[in-house]
Amino acid sequence: MKKLLCVLIVFTLSLQKSHSQKTLSTDYSYKVSEPYKVFDAKEKIYFSKGNEVLALKIDGKEILIQKFDSDKPAFIKEKLYEKYFPKNYSFEEVLEIDSKYYFMYSSWDGDNEKEQLFAAEINFASGEFVGTPKLVFQVDGKVAGTMVGSMFSISVEDKFDFYQSRDKKNVLIQYRKKPEVKRDTKSFDILGLYTFDGNLNKTSGAEVTMPYTERRMNNLDYQLDNKGNLYLLTKVFHDDSNDDKKKRKDTEANYHIEMFVIKSGSNKIEISQFDNKDKFINKLWLFDTNKDYLICGGFYSNGKGDFDDCDGILAFKIKQDGTIYDKTFHEIPLEVLNQYESERTKKKNEKKERKGDGAKFSDLDLIDLAVNDDGSIVLVGEQYFVVVHTSYSPQGGTRTTYTYHYADMLVSKINADGTLGWMRKIAKNQVGSRGKGGMSYKYFNANNNHYFVYLDNVKNIDLPLDKAPATHSDGQGGYLTAVKISDSDGALTKGSILDSREVEDFKIYQFSTNRIVKTTENSFLLEVYKKKKEDIMIKVNLN
């Protein structure tokens, strides 16, 4: 009997292993590096060049620079910097500008009451900082930013924003002066808008006062073209209510979209207007092209229901003088909305369509927008929402917890002539309790395909269109999954790359889509933790 039981156990384990192997796609293969010592850090940033990867790991006063061979893959070297930057420094960004790499940080000069921005150059080949940090510029007075900290310590971060030209040879650095007038109906924003070349020499710029009050405008996006001209996309309200509608029953928006153009070497604002009227714009991004125009793309709703819900996608072109033309709108078809949904949701959507309210893609955020060389664009949206859970104890106390949801995606292509190329829905249901954690996705394009890489429940790999996706619980394993969409016709395929619980002889931990870096047109690298205070680098080949 014992012998029979052992045979059954071995047979069951063999079936499980066989199932695991069958679920992995032949479209992908992977190799694992030798383990190397882990370095815990709040920020981890990766760059690829040739057959090497540079990683910066930033943890307060300590900064580690690591080099990796992306072909093997293998750890090459590392250098740790301790107390290299001023005590009160605030990390801003790491940039690649004209093939040079810069660690950007700010530092408040209290004696002279100036906000300062510095750049420390990184030599990619040696994996080290070069020389001494360079003062890029300084601002008289305080700059607005994000307040972070605890009841014991509060600081301001993210004081500067960085926008690169399409050719990555120039960068726009933007900041907002802290308002002197507290009432936003009386205060006019003062923005610092400065452009720099690859050596961080200033090519143009000035502080520009906005033409509307803070209450009346909401800046949406910035773009610097290859000639150094600056474009600012803004939402301008028609009154001081700051409401998208004047009245609930209104069918037209209480705002319009304007394009500000500041030519290189000038601080004069030239304004053109986009009348969205019955289209309620909830997301809008601006991108340069290799043509003689820029492209703007985003999401809109019909104004019925939640403004964050999406009825369709839009795009328009902008001439170099700011003129807006070739406006196009594409509604999301009901058949796309009903894919991978329960029967209950499908019936709700169909009822909304019959009533004329229109079914919507709820909680859709614009996450990525790619511009192809022919002027077509690909918009990527992902459902994101937070659910608040409150429980009550018999003693009268309450406990509040939160769950974070990264769900279905909508990927759409608008052709250069404004027609709809294709629209695809990617089904997923990621749920966690620690913020983003290992959820959401990594996007890159390669070989005329669009790739989306994320952790998922293996049950979703062959999900039929009439079934809702199974839940993937963050931190509970999962399969590294890739969805590939052909740019030409939108053909979609999905495959499992690896089982996070069975990578060679160990499990992987601390997965994050931020730790994925594209290395070639046929591969990407992923860094993860494997316990025993060791990390590994995984190379994934696109077969």
Protein backbone atom coordinates (compact mmCIF):
# COMPACT_ATOMS: atom_id res chain seq x y z
CA MET A 1 0.00 0.00 0.00
CA LYS A 2 2.83 2.39 0.91
CA LYS A 3 4.57 1.51 -2.31
CA LEU A 4 1.39 2.25 -4.30
CA LEU A 5 0.96 5.57 -2.47
CA CYS A 6 4.55 6.58 -3.33
CA VAL A 7 3.93 5.73 -6.99
CA LEU A 8 0.74 7.86 -6.99
CA ILE A 9 2.57 10.82 -5.40
CA VAL A 10 5.41 10.60 -7.92
CA PHE A 11 2.87 10.31 -10.78
CA THR A 12 0.92 13.35 -9.50
CA LEU A 13 4.08 15.47 -9.16
CA SER A 14 5.14 14.39 -12.64
CA LEU A 15 1.77 15.53 -14.04
CA GLN A 16 2.07 18.87 -12.26
CA LYS A 17 5.58 19.42 -13.63
CA SER A 18 4.45 18.37 -17.09
CA HIS A 19 1.55 20.85 -16.93
CA SER A 20 3.97 23.61 -15.87
CA GLN A 21 6.25 22.90 -18.78
CA LYS A 22 3.36 22.78 -21.28
CA THR A 23 2.07 26.17 -20.23
CA LEU A 24 5.34 27.92 -21.14
CA SER A 25 5.33 29.39 -24.64
CA THR A 26 7.87 28.40 -27.26
CA ASP A 27 7.82 32.03 -28.44
CA TYR A 28 10.05 32.90 -25.48
CA SER A 29 13.07 31.42 -23.73
CA TYR A 30 15.18 32.62 -20.82
CA LYS A 31 18.59 32.34 -19.20
CA VAL A 32 19.51 33.13 -15.59
CA SER A 33 22.70 34.79 -14.37
CA GLU A 34 24.79 33.64 -11.44
CA PRO A 35 23.49 35.19 -8.18
CA TYR A 36 25.11 38.37 -6.84
CA LYS A 37 24.75 40.36 -3.63
CA VAL A 38 21.50 42.25 -3.24
CA PHE A 39 21.39 46.00 -2.57
CA ASP A 40 18.11 47.21 -1.11
CA ALA A 41 17.10 50.60 -2.51
CA LYS A 42 14.00 52.74 -2.86
CA GLU A 43 14.78 53.63 -6.50
CA LYS A 44 16.16 51.26 -9.14
CA ILE A 45 16.77 52.61 -12.65
CA TYR A 46 18.16 50.74 -15.67
CA PHE A 47 19.74 51.77 -18.98
CA SER A 48 20.82 49.57 -21.89
CA LYS A 49 23.66 50.32 -24.32
CA GLY A 50 25.32 47.84 -26.67
CA ASN A 51 25.62 44.55 -24.83
CA GLU A 52 25.66 46.08 -21.34
CA VAL A 53 23.15 47.35 -18.79
CA LEU A 54 23.79 50.09 -16.25
CA ALA A 55 21.76 50.03 -13.03
CA LEU A 56 21.51 52.86 -10.51
CA LYS A 57 20.18 51.94 -7.08
CA ILE A 58 19.38 54.92 -4.90
CA ASP A 59 18.75 54.65 -1.18
CA GLY A 60 19.09 58.02 0.52
CA LYS A 61 22.76 58.74 1.20
CA GLU A 62 23.92 55.57 -0.56
CA ILE A 63 23.99 55.14 -4.35
CA LEU A 64 25.16 51.95 -6.03
CA ILE A 65 26.11 51.81 -9.73
CA GLN A 66 26.20 48.32 -11.23
CA LYS A 67 27.20 47.00 -14.66
CA PHE A 68 25.84 43.85 -16.32
CA ASP A 69 26.62 41.86 -19.45
CA SER A 70 23.22 41.64 -21.16
CA ASP A 71 24.22 38.85 -23.56
CA LYS A 72 25.19 36.15 -21.05
CA PRO A 73 23.60 37.61 -18.74
CA ALA A 74 26.15 38.24 -15.97
CA PHE A 75 27.10 40.70 -13.23
CA ILE A 76 30.28 42.65 -14.16
CA LYS A 77 31.09 45.20 -11.46
CA GLU A 78 29.70 47.73 -9.00
CA LYS A 79 30.71 50.87 -7.14
CA LEU A 80 29.08 52.21 -3.99
CA TYR A 81 28.93 55.94 -3.26
CA GLU A 82 28.27 56.99 0.32
CA LYS A 83 27.54 60.60 1.27
CA TYR A 84 28.57 61.65 -2.23
CA PHE A 85 25.84 64.28 -2.45
CA PRO A 86 24.91 67.12 -0.04
CA LYS A 87 23.03 66.19 3.11
CA ASN A 88 19.86 67.94 1.99
CA TYR A 89 19.88 66.72 -1.62
CA SER A 90 16.68 65.49 -3.28
CA PHE A 91 16.82 63.02 -6.14
CA GLU A 92 14.99 64.26 -9.24
CA GLU A 93 15.73 62.06 -12.27
CA VAL A 94 18.33 60.09 -14.23
CA LEU A 95 18.47 61.16 -17.88
CA GLU A 96 20.14 60.03 -21.09
CA ILE A 97 20.75 63.14 -23.25
CA ASP A 98 22.66 62.89 -26.51
CA SER A 99 24.32 59.61 -25.39
CA LYS A 100 25.37 61.07 -22.02
CA TYR A 101 23.94 60.05 -18.66
CA TYR A 102 23.14 62.44 -15.84
CA PHE A 103 22.00 62.00 -12.26
CA MET A 104 19.83 65.07 -11.57
CA TYR A 105 19.26 66.32 -8.03
CA SER A 106 18.05 69.47 -6.29
CA SER A 107 19.41 71.16 -3.17
CA TRP A 108 17.97 74.11 -1.24
CA ASP A 109 20.44 76.92 -0.47
CA GLY A 110 18.91 78.36 2.70
CA ASP A 111 21.55 81.08 3.17
CA ASN A 112 20.76 82.67 -0.20
CA GLU A 113 17.17 81.38 -0.47
CA LYS A 114 17.72 79.70 -3.80
CA GLU A 115 16.57 76.35 -5.18
CA GLN A 116 19.42 74.69 -7.07
CA LEU A 117 19.46 71.96 -9.70
CA PHE A 118 22.64 69.91 -10.15
CA ALA A 119 23.74 67.20 -12.59
CA ALA A 120 26.32 64.50 -11.88
CA GLU A 121 27.53 62.85 -15.07
CA ILE A 122 27.83 59.06 -15.18
CA ASN A 123 30.37 57.32 -17.40
CA PHE A 124 28.50 54.33 -18.81
CA ALA A 125 31.67 52.43 -19.75
CA SER A 126 33.29 52.65 -16.32
CA GLY A 127 30.08 52.68 -14.28
CA GLU A 128 31.25 55.68 -12.23
CA PHE A 129 30.45 59.33 -11.66
CA VAL A 130 32.65 61.74 -13.64
CA GLY A 131 34.23 64.83 -12.06
CA THR A 132 32.17 67.02 -9.75
CA PRO A 133 28.44 67.74 -10.05
CA LYS A 134 27.52 70.67 -12.29
CA LEU A 135 25.18 73.47 -11.21
CA VAL A 136 22.61 73.52 -14.03
CA PHE A 137 20.77 76.60 -12.74
CA GLN A 138 19.33 78.14 -9.60
CA VAL A 139 15.97 79.71 -8.87
CA ASP A 140 15.31 82.70 -6.63
CA GLY A 141 12.86 81.56 -3.96
CA LYS A 142 11.06 78.28 -3.46
CA VAL A 143 9.81 75.90 -6.13
CA ALA A 144 6.56 73.98 -5.80
CA GLY A 145 6.81 70.21 -5.51
CA THR A 146 5.38 67.18 -3.72
CA MET A 147 5.29 67.12 0.08
CA VAL A 148 6.53 63.83 1.51
CA GLY A 149 7.53 62.59 4.96
CA SER A 150 6.05 61.86 8.35
CA MET A 151 4.95 63.78 11.45
CA PHE A 152 8.63 64.08 12.40
CA SER A 153 10.12 65.09 9.05
CA ILE A 154 8.65 66.73 5.96
CA SER A 155 10.45 67.49 2.71
CA VAL A 156 9.58 68.60 -0.83
CA GLU A 157 10.43 66.31 -3.75
CA ASP A 158 9.80 66.26 -7.52
CA LYS A 159 10.44 70.00 -7.89
CA PHE A 160 11.54 69.73 -11.51
CA ASP A 161 10.05 67.99 -14.54
CA PHE A 162 12.07 66.83 -17.54
CA TYR A 163 10.86 66.51 -21.14
CA GLN A 164 13.18 65.29 -23.88
CA SER A 165 13.06 66.02 -27.59
CA ARG A 166 12.27 63.11 -29.89
CA ASP A 167 15.93 62.75 -30.93
CA LYS A 168 17.00 62.83 -27.22
CA LYS A 169 19.59 65.51 -27.96
CA ASN A 170 17.89 68.24 -25.93
CA VAL A 171 15.89 68.44 -22.73
CA LEU A 172 13.30 70.85 -21.38
CA ILE A 173 13.48 71.42 -17.62
CA GLN A 174 10.30 72.85 -16.13
CA TYR A 175 9.47 74.10 -12.64
CA ARG A 176 6.67 76.06 -11.00
CA LYS A 177 7.41 78.92 -8.63
CA LYS A 178 5.70 78.63 -5.26
CA PRO A 179 2.76 81.09 -5.49
CA GLU A 180 3.02 84.29 -3.47
CA VAL A 181 -0.77 84.79 -3.64
CA LYS A 182 -2.60 81.96 -1.87
CA ARG A 183 -6.01 82.41 -3.54
CA ASP A 184 -5.90 80.44 -6.80
CA THR A 185 -8.56 82.76 -8.31
CA LYS A 186 -6.05 85.62 -8.02
CA SER A 187 -2.75 83.82 -8.55
CA PHE A 188 -1.07 83.39 -11.95
CA ASP A 189 1.42 80.53 -12.22
CA ILE A 190 5.01 81.41 -13.04
CA LEU A 191 6.71 78.54 -14.87
CA GLY A 192 10.42 78.17 -15.47
CA LEU A 193 10.92 76.71 -18.95
CA TYR A 194 14.57 76.12 -19.90
CA THR A 195 16.11 73.99 -22.65
CA PHE A 196 19.58 72.40 -22.58
CA ASP A 197 21.77 70.45 -24.99
CA GLY A 198 23.63 67.20 -24.35
CA ASN A 199 26.39 69.01 -22.42
CA LEU A 200 23.73 70.71 -20.28
CA ASN A 201 24.47 74.11 -21.77
CA LYS A 202 21.39 76.31 -21.76
CA THR A 203 20.10 76.98 -25.28
CA SER A 204 17.03 79.05 -24.38
CA GLY A 205 14.51 79.69 -21.65
CA ALA A 206 12.89 82.07 -19.20
CA GLU A 207 10.31 82.30 -16.46
CA VAL A 208 6.92 82.73 -18.11
CA THR A 209 3.74 83.99 -16.43
CA MET A 210 0.65 82.06 -17.49
CA PRO A 211 -2.18 84.06 -19.11
CA TYR A 212 -4.90 82.57 -16.86
CA THR A 213 -5.24 82.16 -13.10
CA GLU A 214 -4.42 78.87 -11.37
CA ARG A 215 -8.13 78.20 -10.93
CA ARG A 216 -8.84 78.68 -14.63
CA MET A 217 -6.18 76.39 -16.13
CA ASN A 218 -4.74 72.92 -15.73
CA ASN A 219 -1.53 72.08 -17.62
CA LEU A 220 -1.81 68.67 -19.32
CA ASP A 221 1.49 68.04 -21.08
CA TYR A 222 4.69 69.58 -22.48
CA GLN A 223 6.76 68.79 -25.55
CA LEU A 224 10.10 70.02 -26.87
CA ASP A 225 10.70 69.54 -30.59
CA ASN A 226 14.11 68.93 -32.18
CA LYS A 227 14.40 72.64 -33.07
CA GLY A 228 14.02 73.75 -29.45
CA ASN A 229 10.42 75.02 -29.76
CA LEU A 230 8.25 74.43 -26.71
CA TYR A 231 4.62 73.30 -26.78
CA LEU A 232 2.36 73.36 -23.73
CA LEU A 233 -1.05 71.69 -23.76
CA THR A 234 -3.51 73.12 -21.22
CA LYS A 235 -7.13 72.82 -20.14
CA VAL A 236 -8.81 76.25 -19.75
CA PHE A 237 -12.02 76.53 -17.71
CA HIS A 238 -14.73 79.02 -18.72
CA ASP A 239 -15.33 80.21 -15.14
CA ASP A 240 -13.89 79.94 -11.62
CA SER A 241 -15.92 76.85 -10.70
CA ASN A 242 -13.14 74.54 -11.94
CA ASP A 243 -15.95 72.11 -12.81
CA ASP A 244 -16.04 70.10 -16.02
CA LYS A 245 -19.74 70.99 -16.33
CA LYS A 246 -21.61 74.13 -15.30
CA LYS A 247 -24.76 72.08 -14.66
CA ARG A 248 -25.24 68.37 -14.32
CA LYS A 249 -27.47 68.16 -17.41
CA ASP A 250 -25.12 70.16 -19.63
CA THR A 251 -24.03 68.37 -22.79
CA GLU A 252 -20.98 70.54 -23.44
CA ALA A 253 -17.82 70.86 -21.38
CA ASN A 254 -17.14 73.92 -19.22
CA TYR A 255 -13.64 74.14 -20.67
CA HIS A 256 -11.67 73.98 -23.87
CA ILE A 257 -8.13 72.89 -24.79
CA GLU A 258 -5.43 75.38 -25.75
CA MET A 259 -1.98 74.94 -27.24
CA PHE A 260 0.74 77.34 -26.10
CA VAL A 261 3.76 77.64 -28.40
CA ILE A 262 6.99 79.33 -27.28
CA LYS A 263 9.50 79.52 -30.12
CA SER A 264 13.17 78.85 -29.38
CA GLY A 265 14.89 82.01 -28.12
CA SER A 266 11.58 83.73 -27.25
CA ASN A 267 9.36 83.95 -24.17
CA LYS A 268 6.26 85.07 -26.11
CA ILE A 269 3.29 82.69 -25.90
CA GLU A 270 1.36 82.00 -29.11
CA ILE A 271 -2.05 80.42 -28.43
CA SER A 272 -4.33 78.24 -30.55
CA GLN A 273 -7.58 76.63 -29.41
CA PHE A 274 -9.18 73.18 -29.68
CA ASP A 275 -12.95 73.29 -29.08
CA ASN A 276 -13.85 69.93 -27.61
CA LYS A 277 -17.52 71.00 -26.97
CA ASP A 278 -19.45 67.76 -26.25
CA LYS A 279 -16.26 65.73 -25.78
CA PHE A 280 -15.05 65.63 -22.19
CA ILE A 281 -11.30 65.08 -22.39
CA ASN A 282 -10.00 63.04 -19.47
CA LYS A 283 -6.48 62.23 -20.71
CA LEU A 284 -4.40 64.00 -23.38
CA TRP A 285 -0.70 63.65 -24.27
CA LEU A 286 1.51 65.49 -26.74
CA PHE A 287 4.31 63.96 -28.85
CA ASP A 288 6.73 65.09 -31.54
CA THR A 289 7.11 63.18 -34.82
CA ASN A 290 9.72 62.98 -37.57
CA LYS A 291 7.27 64.86 -39.81
CA ASP A 292 6.52 68.60 -39.85
CA TYR A 293 3.84 68.30 -37.16
CA LEU A 294 3.23 67.07 -33.61
CA ILE A 295 0.55 64.59 -32.55
CA CYS A 296 -1.80 64.71 -29.61
CA GLY A 297 -3.69 61.64 -28.43
CA GLY A 298 -5.91 60.69 -25.53
CA PHE A 299 -9.26 59.54 -24.15
CA TYR A 300 -12.65 61.23 -23.94
CA SER A 301 -16.07 60.62 -22.42
CA ASN A 302 -19.54 61.84 -23.45
CA GLY A 303 -20.03 63.57 -20.10
CA LYS A 304 -22.61 61.08 -18.81
CA GLY A 305 -21.50 59.41 -15.60
CA ASP A 306 -17.96 59.49 -14.24
CA PHE A 307 -15.61 61.72 -16.24
CA ASP A 308 -12.75 59.27 -15.61
CA ASP A 309 -14.59 56.62 -17.60
CA CYS A 310 -13.76 56.39 -21.29
CA ASP A 311 -16.11 56.40 -24.28
CA GLY A 312 -13.46 56.65 -26.95
CA ILE A 313 -10.05 57.70 -28.18
CA LEU A 314 -9.03 60.88 -29.99
CA ALA A 315 -6.12 62.36 -31.89
CA PHE A 316 -5.22 65.58 -33.67
CA LYS A 317 -2.17 67.12 -35.30
CA ILE A 318 -0.40 70.39 -34.49
CA LYS A 319 1.58 72.47 -36.98
CA GLN A 320 4.80 74.07 -35.78
CA ASP A 321 2.97 77.40 -35.41
CA GLY A 322 0.47 75.75 -33.05
CA THR A 323 -2.42 75.36 -35.52
CA ILE A 324 -4.57 72.33 -34.61
CA TYR A 325 -5.99 70.23 -37.47
CA ASP A 326 -7.07 66.71 -38.55
CA LYS A 327 -9.16 66.04 -35.44
CA THR A 328 -10.44 62.48 -35.19
CA PHE A 329 -12.59 60.61 -32.64
CA HIS A 330 -13.22 56.87 -32.37
CA GLU A 331 -15.79 55.38 -30.01
CA ILE A 332 -15.01 52.09 -28.26
CA PRO A 333 -17.37 49.48 -29.80
CA LEU A 334 -19.70 47.55 -27.50
CA GLU A 335 -18.26 44.26 -28.75
CA VAL A 336 -14.81 45.31 -27.48
CA LEU A 337 -16.19 46.46 -24.11
CA ASN A 338 -18.02 43.15 -23.65
CA GLN A 339 -14.96 40.99 -24.25
CA TYR A 340 -13.79 39.01 -21.20
CA GLU A 341 -16.74 40.20 -19.10
CA SER A 342 -19.36 38.40 -17.01
CA GLU A 343 -22.91 38.02 -18.32
CA ARG A 344 -24.06 40.54 -15.70
CA THR A 345 -21.62 43.20 -16.95
CA LYS A 346 -22.56 42.53 -20.57
CA LYS A 347 -26.25 43.06 -19.81
CA LYS A 348 -25.47 46.33 -17.98
CA ASN A 349 -23.45 47.58 -20.95
CA GLU A 350 -26.18 46.64 -23.42
CA LYS A 351 -28.80 48.43 -21.28
CA LYS A 352 -26.69 51.62 -21.23
CA GLU A 353 -26.36 51.47 -25.00
CA ARG A 354 -30.16 51.14 -25.43
CA LYS A 355 -30.79 54.12 -23.11
CA GLY A 356 -28.36 56.25 -25.11
CA ASP A 357 -25.92 56.77 -22.21
CA GLY A 358 -23.28 54.64 -23.85
CA ALA A 359 -21.32 51.82 -22.23
CA LYS A 360 -17.89 52.88 -21.02
CA PHE A 361 -14.43 51.55 -20.26
CA SER A 362 -14.33 52.44 -16.57
CA ASP A 363 -11.34 53.78 -14.61
CA LEU A 364 -9.13 53.83 -17.69
CA ASP A 365 -5.80 55.67 -17.35
CA LEU A 366 -3.60 56.60 -20.31
CA ILE A 367 -0.25 54.98 -19.47
CA ASP A 368 1.72 54.79 -22.74
CA LEU A 369 1.57 56.46 -26.14
CA ALA A 370 3.92 55.48 -28.96
CA VAL A 371 4.44 57.37 -32.22
CA ASN A 372 5.45 55.32 -35.27
CA ASP A 373 7.70 56.68 -38.01
CA ASP A 374 4.75 56.91 -40.42
CA GLY A 375 2.88 59.26 -38.05
CA SER A 376 0.45 56.66 -36.69
CA ILE A 377 0.07 56.38 -32.92
CA VAL A 378 -0.62 53.59 -30.45
CA LEU A 379 -2.43 54.45 -27.21
CA VAL A 380 -2.26 52.16 -24.20
CA GLY A 381 -4.75 52.47 -21.35
CA GLU A 382 -5.02 50.44 -18.16
CA GLN A 383 -7.83 50.20 -15.62
CA TYR A 384 -6.68 51.33 -12.20
CA PHE A 385 -8.77 51.88 -9.07
CA VAL A 386 -8.56 51.61 -5.29
CA VAL A 387 -11.21 49.97 -3.10
CA VAL A 388 -11.59 51.07 0.53
CA HIS A 389 -12.57 48.34 3.03
CA THR A 390 -13.86 49.36 6.46
CA SER A 391 -14.61 46.86 9.22
CA TYR A 392 -16.20 47.48 12.62
CA SER A 393 -15.40 45.74 15.89
CA PRO A 394 -17.97 44.98 18.63
CA GLN A 395 -16.12 47.47 20.86
CA GLY A 396 -16.90 50.29 18.44
CA GLY A 397 -13.53 50.58 16.74
CA THR A 398 -13.00 50.67 12.99
CA ARG A 399 -10.29 49.32 10.73
CA THR A 400 -9.69 50.60 7.20
CA THR A 401 -7.69 48.77 4.55
CA TYR A 402 -7.17 49.32 0.84
CA THR A 403 -6.89 47.04 -2.16
CA TYR A 404 -5.24 48.25 -5.37
CA HIS A 405 -6.57 47.01 -8.69
CA TYR A 406 -4.74 46.93 -12.02
CA ALA A 407 -7.20 45.40 -14.45
CA ASP A 408 -8.01 45.27 -18.17
CA MET A 409 -6.06 47.17 -20.80
CA LEU A 410 -7.14 48.86 -24.03
CA VAL A 411 -4.58 49.13 -26.85
CA SER A 412 -5.56 51.13 -29.94
CA LYS A 413 -3.88 52.29 -33.12
CA ILE A 414 -4.86 55.45 -34.99
CA ASN A 415 -3.40 55.59 -38.49
CA ALA A 416 -1.57 58.66 -39.81
CA ASP A 417 -4.66 59.67 -41.83
CA GLY A 418 -6.83 59.59 -38.69
CA THR A 419 -8.63 56.32 -39.41
CA LEU A 420 -8.79 53.59 -36.77
CA GLY A 421 -6.18 50.91 -37.38
CA TRP A 422 -7.30 48.46 -34.71
CA MET A 423 -8.45 48.23 -31.10
CA ARG A 424 -7.62 45.36 -28.74
CA LYS A 425 -8.58 44.56 -25.16
CA ILE A 426 -6.15 42.70 -22.88
CA ALA A 427 -7.84 40.91 -19.99
CA LYS A 428 -6.20 40.83 -16.58
CA ASN A 429 -7.25 41.22 -12.95
CA GLN A 430 -4.33 42.05 -10.65
CA VAL A 431 -5.15 42.79 -7.00
CA GLY A 432 -2.81 43.73 -4.14
CA SER A 433 -2.63 45.50 -0.80
CA ARG A 434 0.77 47.27 -1.01
CA GLY A 435 0.31 49.83 -3.74
CA LYS A 436 1.56 48.98 -7.19
CA GLY A 437 3.91 46.27 -5.92
CA GLY A 438 4.49 43.74 -8.70
CA MET A 439 1.39 44.69 -10.67
CA SER A 440 0.68 46.63 -13.89
CA TYR A 441 2.80 45.97 -17.00
CA LYS A 442 5.95 46.89 -18.94
CA TYR A 443 5.53 48.11 -22.53
CA PHE A 444 8.08 48.18 -25.35
CA ASN A 445 7.99 47.73 -29.11
CA ALA A 446 10.31 45.51 -31.12
CA ASN A 447 10.32 44.12 -34.65
CA ASN A 448 7.07 45.94 -35.55
CA ASN A 449 5.27 44.38 -32.61
CA HIS A 450 4.00 45.84 -29.33
CA TYR A 451 4.86 43.82 -26.20
CA PHE A 452 3.17 43.97 -22.79
CA VAL A 453 4.86 42.00 -20.01
CA TYR A 454 3.26 41.36 -16.61
CA LEU A 455 2.61 38.75 -13.93
CA ASP A 456 -0.68 36.91 -14.30
CA ASN A 457 -2.70 33.94 -13.18
CA VAL A 458 -1.84 31.02 -15.49
CA LYS A 459 -5.57 30.29 -15.87
CA ASN A 460 -5.82 33.35 -18.10
CA ILE A 461 -3.38 32.18 -20.74
CA ASP A 462 -6.06 30.72 -23.05
CA LEU A 463 -8.96 32.81 -21.77
CA PRO A 464 -12.02 32.71 -24.06
CA LEU A 465 -13.71 36.00 -25.00
CA ASP A 466 -16.83 35.17 -22.98
CA LYS A 467 -15.01 34.59 -19.65
CA ALA A 468 -13.78 37.13 -17.09
CA PRO A 469 -10.10 36.78 -16.09
CA ALA A 470 -9.09 34.93 -12.93
CA THR A 471 -7.54 37.05 -10.17
CA HIS A 472 -3.79 37.37 -9.82
CA SER A 473 -2.91 38.19 -6.20
CA ASP A 474 0.18 40.35 -5.88
CA GLY A 475 3.05 38.64 -4.09
CA GLN A 476 1.55 35.17 -4.54
CA GLY A 477 3.61 33.85 -7.41
CA GLY A 478 2.19 34.02 -10.91
CA TYR A 479 3.42 33.46 -14.44
CA LEU A 480 5.46 36.07 -16.29
CA THR A 481 3.22 36.68 -19.28
CA ALA A 482 3.77 38.46 -22.58
CA VAL A 483 1.10 39.77 -24.92
CA LYS A 484 2.31 40.54 -28.45
CA ILE A 485 0.26 42.72 -30.80
CA SER A 486 1.26 43.15 -34.43
CA ASP A 487 1.50 46.82 -35.39
CA SER A 488 0.32 46.15 -38.94
CA ASP A 489 -2.96 44.35 -38.30
CA GLY A 490 -3.44 44.13 -34.51
CA ALA A 491 -3.12 40.34 -34.39
CA LEU A 492 -2.76 39.36 -30.72
CA THR A 493 -0.96 36.39 -29.17
CA LYS A 494 -0.29 35.60 -25.52
CA GLY A 495 2.34 33.36 -23.96
CA SER A 496 3.74 32.37 -20.56
CA ILE A 497 7.47 33.04 -20.24
CA LEU A 498 8.20 31.50 -16.84
CA ASP A 499 6.64 30.38 -13.57
CA SER A 500 7.85 32.72 -10.81
CA ARG A 501 7.68 29.82 -8.33
CA GLU A 502 9.93 27.61 -10.45
CA VAL A 503 12.86 29.44 -12.06
CA GLU A 504 15.50 26.71 -12.23
CA ASP A 505 15.72 25.61 -8.56
CA PHE A 506 14.24 28.61 -6.75
CA LYS A 507 11.38 31.08 -6.55
CA ILE A 508 11.72 34.73 -7.48
CA TYR A 509 10.61 37.65 -5.31
CA GLN A 510 10.28 41.44 -5.42
CA PHE A 511 9.09 41.41 -9.01
CA SER A 512 8.47 44.88 -10.42
CA THR A 513 7.77 45.97 -13.98
CA ASN A 514 10.15 48.88 -13.29
CA ARG A 515 12.99 46.34 -13.18
CA ILE A 516 12.48 45.27 -16.81
CA VAL A 517 14.72 46.83 -19.48
CA LYS A 518 14.64 46.20 -23.24
CA THR A 519 18.16 45.35 -24.43
CA THR A 520 17.77 44.49 -28.15
CA GLU A 521 15.01 43.99 -30.71
CA ASN A 522 14.98 40.35 -29.61
CA SER A 523 15.49 40.42 -25.84
CA PHE A 524 14.92 42.11 -22.50
CA LEU A 525 16.37 41.73 -19.00
CA LEU A 526 14.56 41.37 -15.69
CA GLU A 527 16.20 41.71 -12.26
CA VAL A 528 14.60 39.93 -9.28
CA TYR A 529 15.41 38.79 -5.75
CA LYS A 530 15.97 35.08 -5.02
CA LYS A 531 16.33 35.12 -1.20
CA LYS A 532 19.62 34.51 0.70
CA LYS A 533 20.37 38.22 0.13
CA GLU A 534 21.00 37.62 -3.56
CA ASP A 535 19.62 39.05 -6.81
CA ILE A 536 19.67 37.47 -10.26
CA MET A 537 19.32 38.85 -13.77
CA ILE A 538 17.05 36.97 -16.18
CA LYS A 539 17.46 37.39 -19.93
CA VAL A 540 14.30 36.73 -21.96
CA ASN A 541 14.65 36.04 -25.67
CA LEU A 542 11.85 36.84 -28.11
CA ASN A 543 12.16 33.76 -30.29
